[in-house]
C-alpha atoms as a PDB file:
ATOM      1  CA  MET A   1      -5.716  -5.756  -3.752  1.00  0.00           C
ATOM      2  CA  SER A   2      -9.349  -6.712  -3.507  1.00  0.00           C
ATOM      3  CA  ALA A   3     -12.118  -4.440  -4.687  1.00  0.00           C
ATOM      4  CA  GLN A   4     -14.083  -4.734  -1.452  1.00  0.00           C
ATOM      5  CA  GLN A   5     -13.329  -2.469   1.473  1.00  0.00           C
ATOM      6  CA  THR A   6     -11.278  -3.881   4.305  1.00  0.00           C
ATOM      7  CA  GLU A   7     -10.623  -2.684   7.817  1.00  0.00           C
ATOM      8  CA  ASN A   8      -7.322  -0.913   8.341  1.00  0.00           C
ATOM      9  CA  LYS A   9      -5.989  -3.817  10.375  1.00  0.00           C
ATOM     10  CA  GLN A  10      -4.049  -5.711   7.734  1.00  0.00           C
ATOM     11  CA  SER A  11      -0.380  -5.703   8.533  1.00  0.00           C
ATOM     12  CA  GLU A  12       0.818  -7.146   5.196  1.00  0.00           C
ATOM     13  CA  ILE A  13      -0.510  -6.042   1.807  1.00  0.00           C
ATOM     14  CA  GLU A  14       0.880  -7.001  -1.606  1.00  0.00           C
ATOM     15  CA  VAL A  15       0.463  -4.356  -4.282  1.00  0.00           C
ATOM     16  CA  THR A  16       1.170  -4.344  -8.009  1.00  0.00           C
ATOM     17  CA  ALA A  17       2.526  -1.714 -10.385  1.00  0.00           C
ATOM     18  CA  ALA A  18      -1.110  -0.859 -11.198  1.00  0.00           C
ATOM     19  CA  ASP A  19      -1.550   0.350  -7.588  1.00  0.00           C
ATOM     20  CA  LEU A  20       1.188   2.981  -7.913  1.00  0.00           C
ATOM     21  CA  PRO A  21       1.709   5.624  -6.775  1.00  0.00           C
ATOM     22  CA  LEU A  22       1.151   3.864  -3.469  1.00  0.00           C
ATOM     23  CA  HIS A  23      -0.580   5.637  -0.639  1.00  0.00           C
ATOM     24  CA  CYS A  24      -1.968   4.553   2.698  1.00  0.00           C
ATOM     25  CA  PRO A  25      -4.788   4.216   3.415  1.00  0.00           C
ATOM     26  CA  THR A  26      -5.520   2.516   0.113  1.00  0.00           C
ATOM     27  CA  PRO A  27      -8.848   2.946  -1.702  1.00  0.00           C
ATOM     28  CA  ALA A  28      -9.889  -0.504  -0.451  1.00  0.00           C
ATOM     29  CA  MET A  29      -9.555   0.492   3.211  1.00  0.00           C
ATOM     30  CA  LEU A  30     -12.424   1.885   5.246  1.00  0.00           C
ATOM     31  CA  LEU A  31     -12.042   5.628   5.512  1.00  0.00           C
ATOM     32  CA  TRP A  32     -13.954   6.213   8.754  1.00  0.00           C
ATOM     33  CA  ASN A  33     -11.040   4.945  10.840  1.00  0.00           C
ATOM     34  CA  ALA A  34      -8.244   6.006   8.507  1.00  0.00           C
ATOM     35  CA  HIS A  35      -5.262   8.231   9.178  1.00  0.00           C
ATOM     36  CA  PRO A  36      -4.210  11.067   6.841  1.00  0.00           C
ATOM     37  CA  ARG A  37      -3.172   9.904   3.378  1.00  0.00           C
ATOM     38  CA  VAL A  38       0.556   9.401   3.058  1.00  0.00           C
ATOM     39  CA  PHE A  39       2.370   8.448  -0.148  1.00  0.00           C
ATOM     40  CA  LEU A  40       4.861   5.624   0.284  1.00  0.00           C
ATOM     41  CA  PRO A  41       7.997   5.222  -1.860  1.00  0.00           C
ATOM     42  CA  ILE A  42       7.969   1.522  -2.740  1.00  0.00           C
ATOM     43  CA  GLU A  43       9.455   1.520  -6.240  1.00  0.00           C
ATOM     44  CA  LYS A  44      13.167   1.387  -5.320  1.00  0.00           C
ATOM     45  CA  SER A  45      13.177  -1.181  -2.520  1.00  0.00           C
ATOM     46  CA  GLY A  46       9.997  -3.154  -3.299  1.00  0.00           C
ATOM     47  CA  GLN A  47       8.782  -2.619   0.274  1.00  0.00           C
ATOM     48  CA  ALA A  48       7.270   0.217   2.302  1.00  0.00           C
ATOM     49  CA  LEU A  49       6.023   0.678   5.840  1.00  0.00           C
ATOM     50  CA  CYS A  50       3.251   3.121   6.714  1.00  0.00           C
ATOM     51  CA  PRO A  51       4.450   5.450   9.485  1.00  0.00           C
ATOM     52  CA  TYR A  52       0.880   5.900  10.774  1.00  0.00           C
ATOM     53  CA  CYS A  53      -0.607   2.417  11.004  1.00  0.00           C
ATOM     54  CA  GLY A  54       2.409   0.159  10.495  1.00  0.00           C
ATOM     55  CA  THR A  55       0.986  -1.637   7.466  1.00  0.00           C
ATOM     56  CA  HIS A  56       3.788  -3.299   5.512  1.00  0.00           C
ATOM     57  CA  TYR A  57       3.451  -3.133   1.729  1.00  0.00           C
ATOM     58  CA  THR A  58       5.294  -5.421  -0.669  1.00  0.00           C
ATOM     59  CA  LEU A  59       5.489  -4.740  -4.402  1.00  0.00           C
ATOM     60  CA  LYS A  60       4.626  -7.868  -6.376  1.00  0.00           C
ATOM     61  CA  GLY A  61       7.617  -8.619  -8.569  1.00  0.00           C
ATOM     62  CA  GLY A  62       9.952  -6.715  -6.238  1.00  0.00           C
ATOM     63  CA  ALA A  63      11.878  -3.512  -6.753  1.00  0.00           C
ATOM     64  CA  GLY A  64      11.798  -2.245 -10.309  1.00  0.00           C
ATOM     65  CA  ALA A  65       8.463  -3.947 -11.040  1.00  0.00           C
ATOM     66  CA  ALA A  66       6.924  -0.534 -11.612  1.00  0.00           C
ATOM     67  CA  HIS A  67       9.079   0.120 -14.666  1.00  0.00           C
ATOM     68  CA  HIS A  68       7.647  -0.834 -18.033  1.00  0.00           C
END
């Protein structure tokens, strides 16, 4: 994810193990138009969908990438 803030309009975001635990909105998203923070279980399937905004997250390296 980029270090600069982005609007909460991205529908596809790739995250890495360093971004876990995953929550939406992410720190890179603008907070003024954000929904409540929700933690998303991405570790097992490698994918997660935010129930609030519909953003689809994909774990780089797929399921199990979070394990060292």
